[in-house]
Each structure stands twice: as structure tokens, then as C-alpha cells.
Amino acid sequence: MKSYLLELFVAKVLDYQVGLAMSNASGLLDTLLDSWHRNNTILINLLRAIPKAGLEVKAMQGSPSVAELFGHIHYVRLVFVSEDAPELAVDVPEKEWVAEPDPERMAQLLNSSAKAVREAVKSRVEAGRGMDIHYDHPILFLQHMIWHEGYHHGQIKLALKLSGQPMSNEEAGPLTWRVWMNKTKNK
């Protein structure tokens, strides 16, 4: 009888833990998607903080301009969605390194491609499906996009600095680090 009760107790504990893990999985996905939203917000904040002439700046001859880097980020997002979650693909620009001269138009494009990435990750995670070509898990796609964009964020700030148009820490902090670190929910 003791063995049966112990087995029943262990089974109930395991059922509870699995249920708890599943309820936390939804919260974890929401948090990861929030990190993607924050990443896109930071990128658009950077875009809007750059003076119009700064969009034409290049770190060195032969490098892409700041505007072309933003265009590249938009393009890469959409290419990976089209390859890895084609059911959610949207039109991919014909060219990768296109300089959109209007910052507000580029912000719209970045918001649109961020939404496509979000929906691809969310859809694949909720369906328990991997990505079609790349990545062992949809979250790795999300992490790659964040890392890729952070890399280019640094290139953009360096190009501005080299051109004599640096962005001070006082300017950059509220637009970038504070977006990552601020709590947005009552806990």
C-alpha cells in the first residue's frame, strides 16, 4: 500500500510539474517576443536619432552607408522568414543593400519585417515545428536576428563616430540600454 501511495504521489507531483512547465512556456515565449519588440524599438530609435546627412555616412570607402545597413537588416529578416517559414512570407525586396532616404518609411519597413519575424517564430513555436532550412529551433532564429542587428547597430554608431557625428552615451542610453532594462509590467 505504501508503494502504491508513493507512486501516486510521485505521479501527481510530475503531472503538476509538467503542467507548471507548460503554463510557464507561454510566458517564456511572450518574454522572448517582447525582447524582439524591444530590439526593433531600439533599432528604430537609433534610426530616428540619426541626422538626415548621417544616413549617407560610410565607415570607410567601399562600406555600406548607414541607410544601406538599415535596408540590409530589413531584407535579411524577410529572406529568412521566406526560407524558414514560407507560409508566413511577405514580399522580399529585390535588392539587399538599398538605401531608403526617408527615415519614417524605413521605420515602417522595419516594423513590417519585425512583425513577420515575430509571427514566424510565434507560429512555429506554438505549432511545435522547427524552421524549414536553418536553425534547430525557432528561438534560435530570433536570437540570430537580435545578434545580427546588434552587430550592425555597432557598425552604424562607429560609422557615425568616424564621420564626426558621434552619438554620445547620454543620447544613446535612453534610446537603447534603457529600452532593454526598463521593467514594463507590474510584478
N, C-alpha and C. Protein backbone atom coordinates (compact mmCIF):
# COMPACT_ATOMS: atom_id res chain seq x y z
N MET A 1 0.82 -1.19 0.00
CA MET A 1 0.00 0.00 0.00
C MET A 1 0.87 1.26 0.00
N LYS A 2 1.96 1.25 0.81
CA LYS A 2 2.84 2.42 0.87
C LYS A 2 3.47 2.67 -0.49
N SER A 3 3.85 1.61 -1.19
CA SER A 3 4.47 1.75 -2.51
C SER A 3 3.49 2.38 -3.49
N TYR A 4 2.23 1.95 -3.45
CA TYR A 4 1.20 2.49 -4.33
C TYR A 4 0.98 3.98 -4.05
N LEU A 5 0.89 4.36 -2.79
CA LEU A 5 0.68 5.76 -2.42
C LEU A 5 1.88 6.61 -2.83
N LEU A 6 3.08 6.06 -2.68
CA LEU A 6 4.28 6.79 -3.09
C LEU A 6 4.28 7.00 -4.60
N GLU A 7 3.94 5.95 -5.36
CA GLU A 7 3.88 6.08 -6.82
C GLU A 7 2.81 7.09 -7.24
N LEU A 8 1.67 7.06 -6.57
CA LEU A 8 0.59 8.00 -6.87
C LEU A 8 1.03 9.43 -6.56
N PHE A 9 1.70 9.61 -5.43
CA PHE A 9 2.21 10.93 -5.05
C PHE A 9 3.22 11.43 -6.09
N VAL A 10 4.15 10.59 -6.48
CA VAL A 10 5.17 10.97 -7.46
C VAL A 10 4.50 11.32 -8.80
N ALA A 11 3.52 10.54 -9.21
CA ALA A 11 2.81 10.81 -10.46
C ALA A 11 2.11 12.17 -10.40
N LYS A 12 1.47 12.46 -9.27
CA LYS A 12 0.78 13.75 -9.12
C LYS A 12 1.77 14.91 -9.14
N VAL A 13 2.90 14.74 -8.49
CA VAL A 13 3.93 15.79 -8.49
C VAL A 13 4.43 16.01 -9.91
N LEU A 14 4.70 14.92 -10.64
CA LEU A 14 5.17 15.05 -12.02
C LEU A 14 4.13 15.71 -12.90
N ASP A 15 2.86 15.33 -12.75
CA ASP A 15 1.79 15.96 -13.51
C ASP A 15 1.74 17.46 -13.21
N TYR A 16 1.87 17.81 -11.95
CA TYR A 16 1.86 19.22 -11.55
C TYR A 16 3.04 19.95 -12.19
N GLN A 17 4.24 19.35 -12.16
CA GLN A 17 5.43 19.99 -12.70
C GLN A 17 5.31 20.17 -14.21
N VAL A 18 4.79 19.16 -14.91
CA VAL A 18 4.61 19.28 -16.35
C VAL A 18 3.60 20.39 -16.66
N GLY A 19 2.50 20.44 -15.92
CA GLY A 19 1.51 21.50 -16.12
C GLY A 19 2.09 22.86 -15.84
N LEU A 20 2.89 22.96 -14.79
CA LEU A 20 3.54 24.22 -14.45
C LEU A 20 4.51 24.62 -15.56
N ALA A 21 5.28 23.67 -16.05
CA ALA A 21 6.22 23.96 -17.13
C ALA A 21 5.49 24.44 -18.37
N MET A 22 4.37 23.81 -18.70
CA MET A 22 3.62 24.22 -19.88
C MET A 22 3.03 25.62 -19.70
N SER A 23 2.55 25.93 -18.51
CA SER A 23 2.00 27.27 -18.29
C SER A 23 3.11 28.31 -18.34
N ASN A 24 4.30 27.96 -17.91
CA ASN A 24 5.43 28.88 -17.98
C ASN A 24 5.96 29.02 -19.40
N ALA A 25 5.75 28.00 -20.25
CA ALA A 25 6.23 28.06 -21.63
C ALA A 25 5.60 29.22 -22.38
N SER A 26 4.32 29.45 -22.19
CA SER A 26 3.63 30.56 -22.84
C SER A 26 4.22 31.89 -22.38
N GLY A 27 4.47 32.01 -21.09
CA GLY A 27 5.07 33.23 -20.56
C GLY A 27 6.48 33.44 -21.09
N LEU A 28 7.21 32.36 -21.25
CA LEU A 28 8.57 32.46 -21.78
C LEU A 28 8.53 32.93 -23.23
N LEU A 29 7.63 32.39 -24.03
CA LEU A 29 7.52 32.84 -25.42
C LEU A 29 7.14 34.31 -25.47
N ASP A 30 6.21 34.72 -24.63
CA ASP A 30 5.83 36.14 -24.58
C ASP A 30 7.02 37.02 -24.24
N THR A 31 7.85 36.57 -23.31
CA THR A 31 9.03 37.33 -22.92
C THR A 31 10.04 37.41 -24.06
N LEU A 32 10.24 36.30 -24.75
CA LEU A 32 11.16 36.30 -25.88
C LEU A 32 10.66 37.20 -27.01
N LEU A 33 9.36 37.18 -27.25
CA LEU A 33 8.80 38.05 -28.28
C LEU A 33 8.86 39.51 -27.85
N ASP A 34 8.75 39.76 -26.55
CA ASP A 34 8.93 41.12 -26.03
C ASP A 34 10.37 41.58 -26.27
N SER A 35 11.34 40.68 -26.11
CA SER A 35 12.74 41.05 -26.38
C SER A 35 12.92 41.42 -27.85
N TRP A 36 12.22 40.73 -28.73
CA TRP A 36 12.28 41.07 -30.15
C TRP A 36 11.66 42.45 -30.39
N HIS A 37 10.55 42.73 -29.75
CA HIS A 37 9.92 44.04 -29.88
C HIS A 37 10.87 45.15 -29.38
N ARG A 38 11.51 44.89 -28.26
CA ARG A 38 12.46 45.88 -27.72
C ARG A 38 13.63 46.08 -28.68
N ASN A 39 14.12 45.00 -29.26
CA ASN A 39 15.21 45.09 -30.22
C ASN A 39 14.82 45.98 -31.39
N ASN A 40 13.63 45.76 -31.92
CA ASN A 40 13.16 46.58 -33.04
C ASN A 40 12.96 48.04 -32.61
N THR A 41 12.45 48.25 -31.41
CA THR A 41 12.28 49.62 -30.90
C THR A 41 13.62 50.33 -30.83
N ILE A 42 14.63 49.65 -30.34
CA ILE A 42 15.98 50.22 -30.25
C ILE A 42 16.49 50.59 -31.64
N LEU A 43 16.30 49.69 -32.59
CA LEU A 43 16.78 49.95 -33.95
C LEU A 43 16.09 51.18 -34.54
N ILE A 44 14.79 51.28 -34.35
CA ILE A 44 14.05 52.44 -34.88
C ILE A 44 14.41 53.71 -34.11
N ASN A 45 14.63 53.60 -32.80
CA ASN A 45 15.10 54.76 -32.03
C ASN A 45 16.42 55.27 -32.60
N LEU A 46 17.33 54.34 -32.90
CA LEU A 46 18.63 54.72 -33.48
C LEU A 46 18.41 55.41 -34.82
N LEU A 47 17.60 54.81 -35.67
CA LEU A 47 17.31 55.38 -36.99
C LEU A 47 16.80 56.82 -36.85
N ARG A 48 15.87 57.03 -35.97
CA ARG A 48 15.26 58.36 -35.82
C ARG A 48 16.21 59.38 -35.17
N ALA A 49 17.22 58.91 -34.46
CA ALA A 49 18.17 59.82 -33.81
C ALA A 49 19.28 60.28 -34.75
N ILE A 50 19.40 59.63 -35.88
CA ILE A 50 20.47 59.97 -36.82
C ILE A 50 20.05 61.16 -37.66
N PRO A 51 20.91 62.18 -37.74
CA PRO A 51 20.59 63.31 -38.63
C PRO A 51 20.50 62.81 -40.07
N LYS A 52 19.67 63.45 -40.88
CA LYS A 52 19.45 63.01 -42.26
C LYS A 52 20.77 62.79 -43.01
N ALA A 53 21.71 63.69 -42.85
CA ALA A 53 23.01 63.54 -43.53
C ALA A 53 23.76 62.31 -43.02
N GLY A 54 23.47 61.88 -41.80
CA GLY A 54 24.14 60.72 -41.23
C GLY A 54 23.77 59.42 -41.92
N LEU A 55 22.64 59.40 -42.61
CA LEU A 55 22.22 58.18 -43.31
C LEU A 55 23.14 57.86 -44.48
N GLU A 56 23.83 58.87 -44.99
CA GLU A 56 24.73 58.66 -46.13
C GLU A 56 26.14 58.27 -45.71
N VAL A 57 26.43 58.33 -44.43
CA VAL A 57 27.76 58.08 -43.91
C VAL A 57 28.16 56.62 -44.11
N LYS A 58 29.46 56.42 -44.40
CA LYS A 58 30.04 55.09 -44.51
C LYS A 58 31.25 55.04 -43.58
N ALA A 59 31.49 53.89 -42.98
CA ALA A 59 32.64 53.75 -42.08
C ALA A 59 33.94 53.95 -42.85
N MET A 60 33.98 53.48 -44.08
CA MET A 60 35.13 53.66 -44.95
C MET A 60 34.69 53.44 -46.39
N GLN A 61 35.51 53.86 -47.31
CA GLN A 61 35.18 53.70 -48.72
C GLN A 61 34.93 52.22 -49.01
N GLY A 62 33.87 51.95 -49.74
CA GLY A 62 33.52 50.58 -50.07
C GLY A 62 32.57 49.93 -49.08
N SER A 63 32.38 50.55 -47.92
CA SER A 63 31.44 50.04 -46.92
C SER A 63 30.03 50.49 -47.27
N PRO A 64 29.03 49.78 -46.77
CA PRO A 64 27.66 50.25 -46.99
C PRO A 64 27.40 51.52 -46.19
N SER A 65 26.50 52.34 -46.68
CA SER A 65 26.10 53.53 -45.93
C SER A 65 25.23 53.10 -44.75
N VAL A 66 25.02 54.02 -43.83
CA VAL A 66 24.13 53.77 -42.70
C VAL A 66 22.74 53.38 -43.21
N ALA A 67 22.23 54.11 -44.19
CA ALA A 67 20.91 53.79 -44.75
C ALA A 67 20.90 52.40 -45.37
N GLU A 68 21.98 52.02 -46.04
CA GLU A 68 22.06 50.69 -46.63
C GLU A 68 22.09 49.60 -45.56
N LEU A 69 22.70 49.88 -44.42
CA LEU A 69 22.70 48.90 -43.32
C LEU A 69 21.29 48.66 -42.80
N PHE A 70 20.51 49.73 -42.67
CA PHE A 70 19.12 49.55 -42.25
C PHE A 70 18.34 48.74 -43.30
N GLY A 71 18.58 49.03 -44.58
CA GLY A 71 17.93 48.27 -45.65
C GLY A 71 18.32 46.80 -45.62
N HIS A 72 19.58 46.54 -45.35
CA HIS A 72 20.08 45.16 -45.24
C HIS A 72 19.38 44.42 -44.10
N ILE A 73 19.23 45.06 -42.98
CA ILE A 73 18.57 44.43 -41.82
C ILE A 73 17.14 44.04 -42.20
N HIS A 74 16.42 44.95 -42.82
CA HIS A 74 15.04 44.68 -43.26
C HIS A 74 15.02 43.49 -44.22
N TYR A 75 15.91 43.51 -45.18
CA TYR A 75 15.99 42.45 -46.19
C TYR A 75 16.28 41.09 -45.56
N VAL A 76 17.28 41.03 -44.69
CA VAL A 76 17.67 39.76 -44.06
C VAL A 76 16.51 39.16 -43.27
N ARG A 77 15.80 39.98 -42.54
CA ARG A 77 14.64 39.48 -41.79
C ARG A 77 13.67 38.75 -42.72
N LEU A 78 13.34 39.40 -43.82
CA LEU A 78 12.34 38.85 -44.72
C LEU A 78 12.83 37.63 -45.49
N VAL A 79 14.11 37.61 -45.84
CA VAL A 79 14.67 36.45 -46.54
C VAL A 79 14.59 35.22 -45.66
N PHE A 80 14.97 35.36 -44.39
CA PHE A 80 14.94 34.20 -43.50
C PHE A 80 13.51 33.74 -43.22
N VAL A 81 12.58 34.66 -43.10
CA VAL A 81 11.18 34.24 -42.93
C VAL A 81 10.73 33.48 -44.17
N SER A 82 11.06 33.98 -45.35
CA SER A 82 10.61 33.31 -46.59
C SER A 82 11.23 31.93 -46.74
N GLU A 83 12.45 31.75 -46.27
CA GLU A 83 13.12 30.45 -46.37
C GLU A 83 12.68 29.48 -45.28
N ASP A 84 12.45 29.99 -44.08
CA ASP A 84 12.25 29.11 -42.94
C ASP A 84 10.80 28.98 -42.47
N ALA A 85 9.95 29.88 -42.89
CA ALA A 85 8.52 29.80 -42.58
C ALA A 85 7.76 30.37 -43.78
N PRO A 86 7.88 29.71 -44.93
CA PRO A 86 7.34 30.28 -46.16
C PRO A 86 5.84 30.55 -46.14
N GLU A 87 5.11 29.86 -45.28
CA GLU A 87 3.67 30.09 -45.20
C GLU A 87 3.36 31.49 -44.65
N LEU A 88 4.35 32.12 -44.04
CA LEU A 88 4.17 33.47 -43.48
C LEU A 88 4.99 34.52 -44.21
N ALA A 89 5.56 34.14 -45.33
CA ALA A 89 6.43 35.05 -46.08
C ALA A 89 5.65 36.23 -46.64
N VAL A 90 6.33 37.35 -46.67
CA VAL A 90 5.82 38.55 -47.33
C VAL A 90 6.84 38.91 -48.41
N ASP A 91 6.50 39.86 -49.25
CA ASP A 91 7.39 40.21 -50.35
C ASP A 91 8.76 40.63 -49.83
N VAL A 92 9.79 40.04 -50.44
CA VAL A 92 11.18 40.36 -50.11
C VAL A 92 11.65 41.41 -51.13
N PRO A 93 12.32 42.45 -50.67
CA PRO A 93 12.84 43.44 -51.63
C PRO A 93 13.74 42.77 -52.66
N GLU A 94 13.77 43.32 -53.87
CA GLU A 94 14.60 42.74 -54.93
C GLU A 94 16.07 42.85 -54.63
N LYS A 95 16.48 43.91 -53.96
CA LYS A 95 17.90 44.13 -53.67
C LYS A 95 18.10 44.21 -52.16
N GLU A 96 19.29 43.80 -51.74
CA GLU A 96 19.60 43.73 -50.31
C GLU A 96 20.12 45.04 -49.73
N TRP A 97 20.97 45.72 -50.41
CA TRP A 97 21.66 46.90 -49.87
C TRP A 97 21.07 48.18 -50.45
N VAL A 98 19.80 48.41 -50.19
CA VAL A 98 19.10 49.58 -50.72
C VAL A 98 19.01 50.64 -49.63
N ALA A 99 19.35 51.87 -50.01
CA ALA A 99 19.28 53.00 -49.08
C ALA A 99 17.93 53.69 -49.23
N GLU A 100 17.09 53.52 -48.23
CA GLU A 100 15.80 54.24 -48.20
C GLU A 100 16.09 55.62 -47.62
N PRO A 101 15.87 56.69 -48.40
CA PRO A 101 16.24 58.03 -47.93
C PRO A 101 15.31 58.60 -46.85
N ASP A 102 14.09 58.10 -46.76
CA ASP A 102 13.12 58.62 -45.81
C ASP A 102 13.12 57.78 -44.54
N PRO A 103 13.61 58.33 -43.42
CA PRO A 103 13.69 57.56 -42.18
C PRO A 103 12.33 57.02 -41.71
N GLU A 104 11.26 57.77 -41.93
CA GLU A 104 9.94 57.28 -41.50
C GLU A 104 9.49 56.10 -42.34
N ARG A 105 9.80 56.13 -43.62
CA ARG A 105 9.49 54.98 -44.49
C ARG A 105 10.31 53.77 -44.05
N MET A 106 11.58 53.99 -43.74
CA MET A 106 12.42 52.87 -43.28
C MET A 106 11.90 52.34 -41.96
N ALA A 107 11.43 53.20 -41.07
CA ALA A 107 10.85 52.74 -39.80
C ALA A 107 9.63 51.86 -40.07
N GLN A 108 8.81 52.24 -41.03
CA GLN A 108 7.64 51.42 -41.39
C GLN A 108 8.08 50.05 -41.92
N LEU A 109 9.11 50.04 -42.76
CA LEU A 109 9.61 48.78 -43.30
C LEU A 109 10.16 47.89 -42.19
N LEU A 110 10.91 48.49 -41.26
CA LEU A 110 11.46 47.72 -40.15
C LEU A 110 10.35 47.17 -39.25
N ASN A 111 9.32 47.97 -39.00
CA ASN A 111 8.18 47.47 -38.21
C ASN A 111 7.50 46.30 -38.92
N SER A 112 7.37 46.41 -40.22
CA SER A 112 6.73 45.36 -41.00
C SER A 112 7.55 44.06 -40.98
N SER A 113 8.84 44.18 -41.18
CA SER A 113 9.67 42.97 -41.18
C SER A 113 9.81 42.40 -39.77
N ALA A 114 9.79 43.26 -38.76
CA ALA A 114 9.82 42.77 -37.37
C ALA A 114 8.57 41.95 -37.08
N LYS A 115 7.45 42.42 -37.58
CA LYS A 115 6.19 41.69 -37.39
C LYS A 115 6.26 40.33 -38.08
N ALA A 116 6.84 40.27 -39.27
CA ALA A 116 6.95 39.00 -39.99
C ALA A 116 7.82 38.00 -39.21
N VAL A 117 8.93 38.49 -38.65
CA VAL A 117 9.79 37.62 -37.84
C VAL A 117 9.03 37.14 -36.61
N ARG A 118 8.36 38.06 -35.93
CA ARG A 118 7.60 37.71 -34.73
C ARG A 118 6.57 36.62 -35.03
N GLU A 119 5.81 36.82 -36.09
CA GLU A 119 4.76 35.86 -36.43
C GLU A 119 5.34 34.51 -36.82
N ALA A 120 6.47 34.50 -37.52
CA ALA A 120 7.11 33.24 -37.90
C ALA A 120 7.55 32.47 -36.67
N VAL A 121 8.20 33.15 -35.74
CA VAL A 121 8.67 32.50 -34.52
C VAL A 121 7.49 32.02 -33.68
N LYS A 122 6.54 32.89 -33.46
CA LYS A 122 5.37 32.54 -32.64
C LYS A 122 4.62 31.35 -33.24
N SER A 123 4.38 31.40 -34.52
CA SER A 123 3.64 30.34 -35.20
C SER A 123 4.35 29.00 -35.09
N ARG A 124 5.65 29.01 -35.34
CA ARG A 124 6.41 27.76 -35.32
C ARG A 124 6.55 27.22 -33.90
N VAL A 125 6.75 28.07 -32.92
CA VAL A 125 6.85 27.59 -31.53
C VAL A 125 5.51 27.01 -31.09
N GLU A 126 4.43 27.73 -31.32
CA GLU A 126 3.12 27.25 -30.89
C GLU A 126 2.71 25.96 -31.60
N ALA A 127 3.16 25.78 -32.83
CA ALA A 127 2.85 24.55 -33.57
C ALA A 127 3.83 23.42 -33.26
N GLY A 128 4.88 23.74 -32.51
CA GLY A 128 5.89 22.73 -32.21
C GLY A 128 6.69 22.33 -33.45
N ARG A 129 6.81 23.26 -34.38
CA ARG A 129 7.53 22.99 -35.63
C ARG A 129 8.87 23.71 -35.64
N GLY A 130 9.85 23.05 -36.21
CA GLY A 130 11.13 23.70 -36.42
C GLY A 130 11.07 24.60 -37.64
N MET A 131 12.15 25.24 -37.92
CA MET A 131 12.25 26.07 -39.11
C MET A 131 12.61 25.15 -40.28
N ASP A 132 12.25 25.55 -41.50
CA ASP A 132 12.40 24.67 -42.65
C ASP A 132 13.84 24.42 -43.08
N ILE A 133 14.68 25.42 -43.10
CA ILE A 133 16.04 25.26 -43.64
C ILE A 133 17.12 25.46 -42.57
N HIS A 134 17.03 26.55 -41.84
CA HIS A 134 18.06 26.91 -40.87
C HIS A 134 17.53 26.72 -39.45
N TYR A 135 18.40 26.66 -38.50
CA TYR A 135 18.07 26.70 -37.08
C TYR A 135 17.43 25.40 -36.57
N ASP A 136 17.90 24.97 -35.42
CA ASP A 136 17.34 23.80 -34.76
C ASP A 136 16.02 24.11 -34.07
N HIS A 137 15.77 25.38 -33.79
CA HIS A 137 14.55 25.79 -33.08
C HIS A 137 14.22 27.22 -33.50
N PRO A 138 12.94 27.59 -33.56
CA PRO A 138 12.57 28.96 -33.95
C PRO A 138 13.19 30.04 -33.06
N ILE A 139 13.43 29.73 -31.80
CA ILE A 139 14.03 30.72 -30.90
C ILE A 139 15.46 31.06 -31.34
N LEU A 140 16.14 30.09 -31.93
CA LEU A 140 17.49 30.37 -32.44
C LEU A 140 17.44 31.37 -33.59
N PHE A 141 16.39 31.31 -34.40
CA PHE A 141 16.18 32.30 -35.45
C PHE A 141 16.05 33.69 -34.83
N LEU A 142 15.24 33.80 -33.80
CA LEU A 142 15.04 35.07 -33.12
C LEU A 142 16.36 35.59 -32.54
N GLN A 143 17.10 34.70 -31.90
CA GLN A 143 18.38 35.11 -31.32
C GLN A 143 19.37 35.54 -32.39
N HIS A 144 19.37 34.84 -33.53
CA HIS A 144 20.26 35.23 -34.62
C HIS A 144 19.91 36.63 -35.11
N MET A 145 18.63 36.93 -35.26
CA MET A 145 18.22 38.24 -35.73
C MET A 145 18.67 39.33 -34.75
N ILE A 146 18.51 39.09 -33.45
CA ILE A 146 18.92 40.08 -32.45
C ILE A 146 20.44 40.28 -32.49
N TRP A 147 21.17 39.19 -32.58
CA TRP A 147 22.63 39.29 -32.63
C TRP A 147 23.06 40.02 -33.91
N HIS A 148 22.48 39.66 -35.03
CA HIS A 148 22.80 40.27 -36.32
C HIS A 148 22.56 41.78 -36.28
N GLU A 149 21.43 42.16 -35.71
CA GLU A 149 21.09 43.58 -35.68
C GLU A 149 21.94 44.36 -34.69
N GLY A 150 22.32 43.71 -33.59
CA GLY A 150 23.24 44.35 -32.64
C GLY A 150 24.59 44.62 -33.29
N TYR A 151 25.04 43.66 -34.09
CA TYR A 151 26.30 43.81 -34.83
C TYR A 151 26.24 45.04 -35.73
N HIS A 152 25.16 45.16 -36.50
CA HIS A 152 25.04 46.31 -37.41
C HIS A 152 24.76 47.61 -36.66
N HIS A 153 24.11 47.54 -35.52
CA HIS A 153 23.91 48.72 -34.67
C HIS A 153 25.29 49.31 -34.32
N GLY A 154 26.20 48.44 -33.93
CA GLY A 154 27.56 48.89 -33.61
C GLY A 154 28.26 49.48 -34.82
N GLN A 155 28.07 48.88 -35.98
CA GLN A 155 28.67 49.42 -37.21
C GLN A 155 28.13 50.81 -37.51
N ILE A 156 26.84 50.99 -37.32
CA ILE A 156 26.21 52.29 -37.59
C ILE A 156 26.78 53.34 -36.66
N LYS A 157 26.87 53.02 -35.38
CA LYS A 157 27.42 54.00 -34.43
C LYS A 157 28.89 54.30 -34.72
N LEU A 158 29.65 53.29 -35.14
CA LEU A 158 31.05 53.52 -35.48
C LEU A 158 31.17 54.40 -36.72
N ALA A 159 30.36 54.14 -37.73
CA ALA A 159 30.38 54.97 -38.95
C ALA A 159 30.08 56.42 -38.60
N LEU A 160 29.09 56.63 -37.73
CA LEU A 160 28.77 58.00 -37.32
C LEU A 160 29.95 58.64 -36.58
N LYS A 161 30.58 57.88 -35.71
CA LYS A 161 31.72 58.41 -34.96
C LYS A 161 32.87 58.77 -35.90
N LEU A 162 33.18 57.88 -36.85
CA LEU A 162 34.27 58.13 -37.79
C LEU A 162 34.00 59.33 -38.69
N SER A 163 32.73 59.63 -38.91
CA SER A 163 32.37 60.76 -39.78
C SER A 163 32.30 62.07 -39.01
N GLY A 164 32.57 62.02 -37.72
CA GLY A 164 32.50 63.24 -36.91
C GLY A 164 31.10 63.53 -36.38
N GLN A 165 30.21 62.53 -36.42
CA GLN A 165 28.84 62.71 -35.94
C GLN A 165 28.54 61.67 -34.85
N PRO A 166 29.39 61.61 -33.82
CA PRO A 166 29.18 60.55 -32.82
C PRO A 166 27.88 60.75 -32.04
N MET A 167 27.37 59.65 -31.54
CA MET A 167 26.19 59.68 -30.67
C MET A 167 26.71 59.47 -29.25
N SER A 168 26.50 60.45 -28.39
CA SER A 168 27.01 60.36 -27.02
C SER A 168 26.26 59.29 -26.23
N ASN A 169 26.87 58.84 -25.15
CA ASN A 169 26.20 57.88 -24.27
C ASN A 169 24.93 58.47 -23.67
N GLU A 170 24.94 59.78 -23.44
CA GLU A 170 23.75 60.44 -22.90
C GLU A 170 22.59 60.37 -23.89
N GLU A 171 22.91 60.47 -25.19
CA GLU A 171 21.89 60.34 -26.23
C GLU A 171 21.47 58.88 -26.42
N ALA A 172 22.45 58.00 -26.47
CA ALA A 172 22.20 56.59 -26.81
C ALA A 172 21.54 55.82 -25.68
N GLY A 173 21.89 56.12 -24.44
CA GLY A 173 21.39 55.35 -23.31
C GLY A 173 19.87 55.21 -23.25
N PRO A 174 19.15 56.34 -23.24
CA PRO A 174 17.68 56.23 -23.18
C PRO A 174 17.06 55.55 -24.40
N LEU A 175 17.75 55.63 -25.53
CA LEU A 175 17.23 55.05 -26.77
C LEU A 175 17.51 53.56 -26.90
N THR A 176 18.51 53.10 -26.15
CA THR A 176 18.95 51.71 -26.33
C THR A 176 18.90 50.93 -25.01
N TRP A 177 19.89 51.12 -24.18
CA TRP A 177 20.01 50.30 -22.97
C TRP A 177 18.79 50.41 -22.08
N ARG A 178 18.24 51.59 -21.96
CA ARG A 178 17.08 51.76 -21.10
C ARG A 178 15.88 50.96 -21.63
N VAL A 179 15.76 50.84 -22.96
CA VAL A 179 14.67 50.06 -23.55
C VAL A 179 14.80 48.59 -23.13
N TRP A 180 16.03 48.09 -23.09
CA TRP A 180 16.24 46.70 -22.66
C TRP A 180 15.96 46.52 -21.20
N MET A 181 16.38 47.45 -20.37
CA MET A 181 16.40 47.23 -18.92
C MET A 181 15.15 47.66 -18.18
N ASN A 182 14.37 48.56 -18.76
CA ASN A 182 13.18 49.03 -18.04
C ASN A 182 12.16 47.91 -17.88
N LYS A 183 11.60 47.81 -16.70
CA LYS A 183 10.51 46.88 -16.47
C LYS A 183 9.24 47.52 -17.00
N THR A 184 8.45 46.72 -17.72
CA THR A 184 7.22 47.26 -18.30
C THR A 184 5.98 46.68 -17.66
N LYS A 185 6.16 45.68 -16.84
CA LYS A 185 4.99 45.03 -16.23
C LYS A 185 5.10 45.14 -14.71
N ASN A 186 3.97 45.26 -14.06
CA ASN A 186 3.97 45.22 -12.60
C ASN A 186 4.20 43.79 -12.15
N LYS A 187 5.15 43.62 -11.30
CA LYS A 187 5.49 42.26 -10.86
C LYS A 187 5.16 42.09 -9.41
